[in-house]
Amino acid sequence: MSSNQFELAQPPSDAVSAVKFAPDSSTRLLVSSWDKHVYLYDTHSQPGGELIRKVEHRAPVLDVCFGKDDNEAFSAGLDWDVKRIDLETGESSVLSSHDAGVKSVVYDPNHKLLVSASWDSTLHIHFPEDPTHPFSIIDLPNKPFSMSVSNSKLVVAMANRTVYIYELQALSLMASQATDEPPNNKLTLEPWQRRESSLKFMTRAVACMPNDDGYASSSIEGRVAVEWFDPSQESQARKYAFKCHRQVMEGVDTVYPVNALAFHPPFGTFASGGGDGVVALWDGTAKRRIRQYQRYSTSVAALSFSKDGKYLAVGISPGFEDGQEDMPEGAVKVFVRELSETEAKGKSK
């Protein structure tokens, strides 16, 4: 591997489900795994980083995110629970429980809102700073696969190519006024926009642009779509999709799922990670690939840029799709790549 990246010591023992850099520090990294743990690393305190904390769960963890600061995290997984983790003590508490596995969890710092999305086809809306406030439920038409927040929007990508976009301000206002306890805690909030995905096959990942203009989504069939929030005809005419993460071997086009997407905070370019073990950087505005990195030994499962855009975390593991029981020894790795000042900068047209 190239000299500008290193492998974290003490990686998870089963498939990586998420990697997330901290909101304030560019060296604290959360990793969630099918091995039922959430890991907190300081990626730069020593060579190979340092494992600061390891928090056990009852079942595989499918997603993790930081909260209001670098000492608060939220997790979700196959135990159906949405948990708050105190990263200083390692203690966790359950904020709500869904009726099926919880696929995604995102924190909105502007409204101090935590949203979880479950395979029971619901969203749970929490106010973690007010433990006395009951959580609210929003019914979804289909199973959610991925979720992302921008400064003002929440994007939920679901089965049957359904995409709902909510305005966080409206979501926060309605949820904050709701005082009913379960089972009377359902909100009837219409999404700001309903869309059909530009991708014909199942959505694997969605990520919002840092400038709040739109989002990118990816599918199991080696494609990425770039779309804008603005509903005007002019903006909607700009949306497009492109093929990626494909290999032609002996005349056969092999197509891989695009498992992960992450936007570069300062530059607004984005990285994609595929089942082919490749990470590529893209300029979504200029519609160009900036670069493609050397192939990893197995599928890229998760990506995250640090807040300053200086580092890119790459989680790799085989069998990400089904959380294989027989994970080969040493197959799960987390790499941290240091980017040069212009490495992720878009190309001027």
Protein backbone atom coordinates (compact mmCIF):
# COMPACT_ATOMS: atom_id res chain seq x y z
CA MET A 1 0.00 0.00 0.00
CA SER A 2 1.13 3.55 -0.61
CA SER A 3 3.15 5.42 1.99
CA ASN A 4 0.48 8.07 2.57
CA GLN A 5 -1.89 5.60 4.22
CA PHE A 6 -1.62 3.26 7.17
CA GLU A 7 -3.63 0.40 8.63
CA LEU A 8 -5.25 0.74 12.05
CA ALA A 9 -4.13 -1.76 14.67
CA GLN A 10 -6.78 -3.86 16.47
CA PRO A 11 -9.46 -3.77 13.75
CA PRO A 12 -12.88 -5.47 14.17
CA SER A 13 -13.05 -9.26 13.81
CA ASP A 14 -16.10 -9.27 11.51
CA ALA A 15 -17.44 -7.12 8.66
CA VAL A 16 -17.24 -3.33 8.99
CA SER A 17 -20.65 -1.63 8.74
CA ALA A 18 -19.65 2.04 9.20
CA VAL A 19 -16.67 4.35 9.75
CA LYS A 20 -17.24 7.92 10.99
CA PHE A 21 -14.79 10.71 11.78
CA ALA A 22 -15.55 13.00 14.74
CA PRO A 23 -17.22 16.41 14.25
CA ASP A 24 -14.47 18.35 16.04
CA SER A 25 -11.31 16.23 15.83
CA SER A 26 -9.69 14.97 12.66
CA THR A 27 -8.16 11.95 14.43
CA ARG A 28 -11.02 10.36 16.40
CA LEU A 29 -12.75 7.63 14.39
CA LEU A 30 -15.75 5.43 15.17
CA VAL A 31 -16.09 2.01 13.55
CA SER A 32 -19.13 -0.28 13.87
CA SER A 33 -19.02 -3.97 13.06
CA TRP A 34 -20.94 -7.21 12.66
CA ASP A 35 -18.78 -8.49 15.56
CA LYS A 36 -21.30 -6.69 17.90
CA HIS A 37 -18.93 -3.88 18.85
CA VAL A 38 -18.42 -0.16 18.32
CA TYR A 39 -14.74 0.88 18.28
CA LEU A 40 -13.32 4.33 19.03
CA TYR A 41 -9.80 5.01 17.73
CA ASP A 42 -7.38 7.88 17.97
CA THR A 43 -5.90 7.39 14.52
CA HIS A 44 -2.75 9.43 15.15
CA SER A 45 -1.75 9.06 18.81
CA GLN A 46 0.80 6.37 17.83
CA PRO A 47 1.77 4.38 14.72
CA GLY A 48 -1.22 2.29 13.68
CA GLY A 49 -3.49 4.45 15.83
CA GLU A 50 -4.79 3.58 19.28
CA LEU A 51 -7.99 1.78 20.26
CA ILE A 52 -9.42 4.06 22.97
CA ARG A 53 -12.69 2.25 23.61
CA LYS A 54 -14.62 -0.84 22.58
CA VAL A 55 -18.35 -1.00 23.40
CA GLU A 56 -20.15 -4.34 23.22
CA HIS A 57 -23.73 -4.73 21.92
CA ARG A 58 -26.15 -7.66 21.99
CA ALA A 59 -26.12 -8.14 18.22
CA PRO A 60 -24.27 -6.93 15.09
CA VAL A 61 -24.03 -3.12 14.87
CA LEU A 62 -25.16 -1.76 11.50
CA ASP A 63 -24.42 1.96 11.94
CA VAL A 64 -22.81 4.47 14.26
CA CYS A 65 -22.43 8.25 14.34
CA PHE A 66 -21.08 10.97 16.60
CA GLY A 67 -23.48 13.24 18.48
CA LYS A 68 -23.13 16.78 19.76
CA ASP A 69 -19.37 16.40 20.38
CA ASP A 70 -16.48 13.94 20.19
CA ASN A 71 -17.52 12.18 23.41
CA GLU A 72 -21.05 11.24 22.35
CA ALA A 73 -22.00 8.50 19.89
CA PHE A 74 -25.19 6.78 18.74
CA SER A 75 -25.45 3.22 17.47
CA ALA A 76 -28.06 1.04 15.77
CA GLY A 77 -28.20 -2.59 14.75
CA LEU A 78 -29.77 -6.02 14.79
CA ASP A 79 -30.73 -5.83 18.49
CA TRP A 80 -33.42 -3.37 17.26
CA ASP A 81 -32.21 -0.70 19.72
CA VAL A 82 -31.06 2.88 19.17
CA LYS A 83 -28.38 3.61 21.75
CA ARG A 84 -26.54 6.62 23.09
CA ILE A 85 -22.92 5.86 24.03
CA ASP A 86 -20.87 7.97 26.43
CA LEU A 87 -17.43 7.59 24.84
CA GLU A 88 -15.67 8.83 27.99
CA THR A 89 -17.09 6.04 30.17
CA GLY A 90 -18.18 3.48 27.56
CA GLU A 91 -21.64 3.32 29.13
CA SER A 92 -24.67 3.10 26.84
CA SER A 93 -28.39 3.70 27.23
CA VAL A 94 -31.34 2.79 24.97
CA LEU A 95 -33.15 5.79 23.45
CA SER A 96 -35.80 3.73 21.63
CA SER A 97 -36.45 0.25 20.27
CA HIS A 98 -37.77 -0.52 16.79
CA ASP A 99 -39.68 -3.65 15.74
CA ALA A 100 -36.88 -4.90 13.47
CA GLY A 101 -33.20 -4.30 12.78
CA VAL A 102 -32.09 -0.66 12.63
CA LYS A 103 -30.16 0.07 9.44
CA SER A 104 -29.11 3.73 9.82
CA VAL A 105 -28.67 6.44 12.41
CA VAL A 106 -27.85 10.12 11.72
CA TYR A 107 -27.38 13.14 13.97
CA ASP A 108 -28.37 16.67 12.96
CA PRO A 109 -26.28 19.14 15.02
CA ASN A 110 -28.33 22.17 13.93
CA HIS A 111 -31.55 20.92 15.52
CA LYS A 112 -29.89 18.52 18.01
CA LEU A 113 -31.94 15.75 16.47
CA LEU A 114 -31.21 12.04 16.15
CA VAL A 115 -33.01 10.03 13.46
CA SER A 116 -32.94 6.24 13.18
CA ALA A 117 -34.27 4.22 10.23
CA SER A 118 -35.37 0.62 10.67
CA TRP A 119 -36.41 -2.33 8.53
CA ASP A 120 -39.76 -2.08 10.33
CA SER A 121 -40.33 0.77 7.80
CA THR A 122 -40.25 3.57 10.37
CA LEU A 123 -38.10 6.50 11.39
CA HIS A 124 -37.66 7.32 15.07
CA ILE A 125 -37.03 10.98 15.94
CA HIS A 126 -35.15 11.61 19.21
CA PHE A 127 -33.98 14.65 21.16
CA PRO A 128 -31.00 13.13 22.99
CA GLU A 129 -30.31 16.23 25.09
CA ASP A 130 -33.78 16.02 26.61
CA PRO A 131 -34.15 12.47 27.96
CA THR A 132 -37.65 13.27 29.26
CA HIS A 133 -38.95 14.08 25.76
CA PRO A 134 -40.59 11.02 24.14
CA PHE A 135 -39.36 9.88 20.74
CA SER A 136 -41.68 10.20 17.72
CA ILE A 137 -42.36 7.73 14.91
CA ILE A 138 -42.80 8.40 11.19
CA ASP A 139 -44.13 5.58 8.98
CA LEU A 140 -42.28 4.94 5.73
CA PRO A 141 -43.79 3.30 2.62
CA ASN A 142 -40.85 0.89 2.21
CA LYS A 143 -37.81 -0.54 3.98
CA PRO A 144 -35.05 2.09 4.36
CA PHE A 145 -31.59 1.22 3.03
CA SER A 146 -29.58 4.38 3.66
CA MET A 147 -29.98 7.85 5.15
CA SER A 148 -28.02 11.12 5.17
CA VAL A 149 -28.41 14.67 6.53
CA SER A 150 -27.31 18.02 5.14
CA ASN A 151 -27.68 21.39 6.90
CA SER A 152 -31.38 21.56 6.12
CA LYS A 153 -32.50 18.20 4.69
CA LEU A 154 -32.85 14.54 5.61
CA VAL A 155 -32.68 12.08 2.68
CA VAL A 156 -34.08 8.57 3.15
CA ALA A 157 -33.44 6.03 0.38
CA MET A 158 -35.74 2.99 0.46
CA ALA A 159 -36.77 -0.17 -1.34
CA ASN A 160 -38.74 0.08 -4.60
CA ARG A 161 -36.55 3.02 -5.67
CA THR A 162 -38.37 5.35 -3.25
CA VAL A 163 -36.59 8.46 -1.95
CA TYR A 164 -38.12 10.80 0.65
CA ILE A 165 -36.60 14.18 1.44
CA TYR A 166 -37.62 15.87 4.70
CA GLU A 167 -36.95 19.42 5.82
CA LEU A 168 -35.16 19.16 9.17
CA GLN A 169 -36.71 22.39 10.45
CA ALA A 170 -40.25 21.05 9.94
CA LEU A 171 -39.28 17.64 11.33
CA SER A 172 -37.73 19.17 14.44
CA LEU A 173 -40.66 21.51 15.05
CA MET A 174 -43.30 18.81 14.76
CA ALA A 175 -41.35 16.27 16.84
CA SER A 176 -40.59 18.84 19.56
CA GLN A 177 -44.28 19.63 19.95
CA ALA A 178 -45.29 15.97 20.18
CA THR A 179 -45.74 14.84 23.78
CA ASP A 180 -47.49 11.49 23.37
CA GLU A 181 -45.88 8.30 24.62
CA PRO A 182 -45.98 5.06 22.58
CA PRO A 183 -48.16 3.86 20.93
CA ASN A 184 -49.65 7.32 20.29
CA ASN A 185 -46.37 8.92 19.23
CA LYS A 186 -46.77 8.75 15.44
CA LEU A 187 -46.24 11.92 13.44
CA THR A 188 -48.17 12.61 10.25
CA LEU A 189 -45.47 14.62 8.53
CA GLU A 190 -45.43 14.69 4.76
CA PRO A 191 -41.98 14.64 3.15
CA TRP A 192 -40.86 17.88 1.51
CA GLN A 193 -40.28 15.89 -1.68
CA ARG A 194 -41.04 12.36 -2.86
CA ARG A 195 -38.76 11.05 -5.58
CA GLU A 196 -38.09 7.93 -7.59
CA SER A 197 -34.43 7.00 -7.59
CA SER A 198 -32.55 7.63 -10.83
CA LEU A 199 -31.00 4.19 -10.33
CA LYS A 200 -32.87 1.14 -11.60
CA PHE A 201 -31.44 -1.25 -9.02
CA MET A 202 -31.45 -1.39 -5.22
CA THR A 203 -29.93 1.63 -3.48
CA ARG A 204 -26.90 0.83 -1.36
CA ALA A 205 -25.78 4.27 -0.10
CA VAL A 206 -26.85 7.91 -0.06
CA ALA A 207 -24.79 10.96 0.97
CA CYS A 208 -25.70 14.66 1.09
CA MET A 209 -23.51 17.40 -0.40
CA PRO A 210 -21.78 19.55 2.24
CA ASN A 211 -23.08 22.75 0.58
CA ASP A 212 -26.70 21.59 1.10
CA ASP A 213 -27.42 21.60 -2.67
CA GLY A 214 -28.22 17.94 -3.22
CA TYR A 215 -27.08 14.36 -2.77
CA ALA A 216 -25.44 11.35 -4.40
CA SER A 217 -26.79 7.81 -4.27
CA SER A 218 -25.34 4.47 -5.33
CA SER A 219 -26.71 1.07 -6.27
CA ILE A 220 -25.80 -2.60 -6.15
CA GLU A 221 -25.36 -2.41 -9.93
CA GLY A 222 -22.20 -0.29 -10.20
CA ARG A 223 -23.80 3.12 -10.67
CA VAL A 224 -23.88 6.47 -8.90
CA ALA A 225 -26.52 9.19 -9.35
CA VAL A 226 -26.05 12.89 -8.54
CA GLU A 227 -29.18 14.98 -7.87
CA TRP A 228 -30.07 18.47 -6.65
CA PHE A 229 -32.71 19.42 -4.05
CA ASP A 230 -34.00 22.43 -6.00
CA PRO A 231 -37.26 21.21 -7.58
CA SER A 232 -37.06 23.67 -10.50
CA GLN A 233 -37.03 22.18 -13.97
CA GLU A 234 -33.60 23.65 -14.61
CA SER A 235 -32.05 21.96 -11.55
CA GLN A 236 -33.79 18.66 -12.18
CA ALA A 237 -32.47 18.68 -15.74
CA ARG A 238 -28.93 18.66 -14.30
CA LYS A 239 -29.28 15.31 -12.52
CA TYR A 240 -27.35 12.41 -13.99
CA ALA A 241 -26.06 8.92 -13.28
CA PHE A 242 -22.88 7.16 -14.33
CA LYS A 243 -21.33 3.70 -14.37
CA CYS A 244 -18.43 2.87 -12.05
CA HIS A 245 -16.83 0.00 -10.10
CA ARG A 246 -16.84 -2.36 -13.08
CA GLN A 247 -14.08 -4.58 -14.42
CA VAL A 248 -13.77 -6.05 -17.87
CA MET A 249 -12.07 -9.43 -17.61
CA GLU A 250 -11.65 -11.61 -20.69
CA GLY A 251 -14.35 -9.63 -22.45
CA VAL A 252 -16.86 -9.98 -19.62
CA ASP A 253 -18.09 -6.83 -17.84
CA THR A 254 -18.23 -7.64 -14.11
CA VAL A 255 -20.40 -5.22 -12.15
CA TYR A 256 -19.88 -4.56 -8.43
CA PRO A 257 -22.08 -2.90 -5.81
CA VAL A 258 -21.13 0.63 -4.78
CA ASN A 259 -21.26 0.15 -1.00
CA ALA A 260 -20.11 3.54 0.24
CA LEU A 261 -20.20 7.26 -0.58
CA ALA A 262 -18.61 10.18 1.29
CA PHE A 263 -18.35 13.87 0.44
CA HIS A 264 -15.16 15.86 1.02
CA PRO A 265 -16.23 18.67 3.43
CA PRO A 266 -14.15 21.60 2.08
CA PHE A 267 -14.13 20.73 -1.63
CA GLY A 268 -17.53 19.07 -2.15
CA THR A 269 -16.07 16.29 -4.29
CA PHE A 270 -16.93 12.73 -3.24
CA ALA A 271 -15.44 9.28 -2.82
CA SER A 272 -17.09 6.01 -3.80
CA GLY A 273 -16.12 2.55 -2.57
CA GLY A 274 -17.09 -0.65 -4.32
CA GLY A 275 -17.23 -4.40 -4.09
CA ASP A 276 -14.27 -4.41 -6.49
CA GLY A 277 -12.03 -3.14 -3.66
CA VAL A 278 -11.58 0.23 -5.37
CA VAL A 279 -11.95 3.75 -3.93
CA ALA A 280 -12.43 6.51 -6.51
CA LEU A 281 -12.69 10.30 -6.13
CA TRP A 282 -15.20 12.20 -8.26
CA ASP A 283 -16.00 15.78 -9.15
CA GLY A 284 -19.80 15.67 -9.29
CA THR A 285 -20.14 19.17 -10.71
CA ALA A 286 -17.66 18.72 -13.55
CA LYS A 287 -18.78 15.08 -14.01
CA ARG A 288 -15.21 13.78 -13.90
CA ARG A 289 -13.23 11.18 -12.04
CA ILE A 290 -10.38 12.88 -10.19
CA ARG A 291 -8.46 9.73 -9.31
CA GLN A 292 -8.71 6.05 -8.49
CA TYR A 293 -6.62 4.45 -5.76
CA GLN A 294 -4.81 1.15 -5.82
CA ARG A 295 -7.19 -1.77 -5.31
CA TYR A 296 -7.66 -3.09 -1.78
CA SER A 297 -7.56 -6.81 -1.03
CA THR A 298 -11.33 -7.07 -0.55
CA SER A 299 -14.62 -5.14 -0.80
CA VAL A 300 -14.79 -1.53 0.39
CA ALA A 301 -17.58 -1.43 2.99
CA ALA A 302 -17.46 2.11 4.41
CA LEU A 303 -15.85 5.54 3.87
CA SER A 304 -15.54 8.76 5.87
CA PHE A 305 -13.65 12.03 5.40
CA SER A 306 -12.38 13.94 8.43
CA LYS A 307 -14.01 17.34 8.94
CA ASP A 308 -10.97 19.19 7.53
CA GLY A 309 -10.82 16.78 4.57
CA LYS A 310 -7.24 15.83 5.37
CA TYR A 311 -7.95 12.16 6.03
CA LEU A 312 -10.08 9.47 4.41
CA ALA A 313 -10.99 6.37 6.45
CA VAL A 314 -11.59 3.20 4.43
CA GLY A 315 -13.16 0.11 5.99
CA ILE A 316 -12.73 -3.10 4.00
CA SER A 317 -14.24 -6.54 4.61
CA PRO A 318 -15.43 -9.46 2.48
CA GLY A 319 -19.08 -10.49 2.48
CA PHE A 320 -20.38 -7.06 3.47
CA GLU A 321 -23.68 -7.94 1.85
CA ASP A 322 -24.52 -10.83 4.16
CA GLY A 323 -22.17 -10.57 7.15
CA GLN A 324 -20.58 -13.95 6.42
CA GLU A 325 -20.13 -16.32 9.32
CA ASP A 326 -16.73 -17.56 8.15
CA MET A 327 -14.80 -14.28 8.05
CA PRO A 328 -11.24 -15.12 6.97
CA GLU A 329 -8.60 -14.25 9.57
CA GLY A 330 -7.16 -10.78 8.99
CA ALA A 331 -9.55 -9.96 6.14
CA VAL A 332 -11.16 -7.01 7.96
CA LYS A 333 -9.05 -3.85 7.92
CA VAL A 334 -9.45 -0.12 8.42
CA PHE A 335 -7.08 2.21 6.56
CA VAL A 336 -6.52 5.92 7.08
CA ARG A 337 -5.29 7.78 4.02
CA GLU A 338 -3.70 11.21 4.32
CA LEU A 339 -4.63 13.44 1.39
CA SER A 340 -2.42 16.12 -0.08
CA GLU A 341 -3.86 19.65 -0.12
CA THR A 342 -5.19 19.36 -3.68
CA GLU A 343 -5.73 15.58 -3.91
CA ALA A 344 -9.51 15.79 -3.60
CA LYS A 345 -9.90 19.17 -5.29
CA GLY A 346 -12.28 19.30 -8.23
CA LYS A 347 -11.04 19.87 -11.74
CA SER A 348 -11.97 23.19 -13.25
CA LYS A 349 -14.01 22.75 -16.40
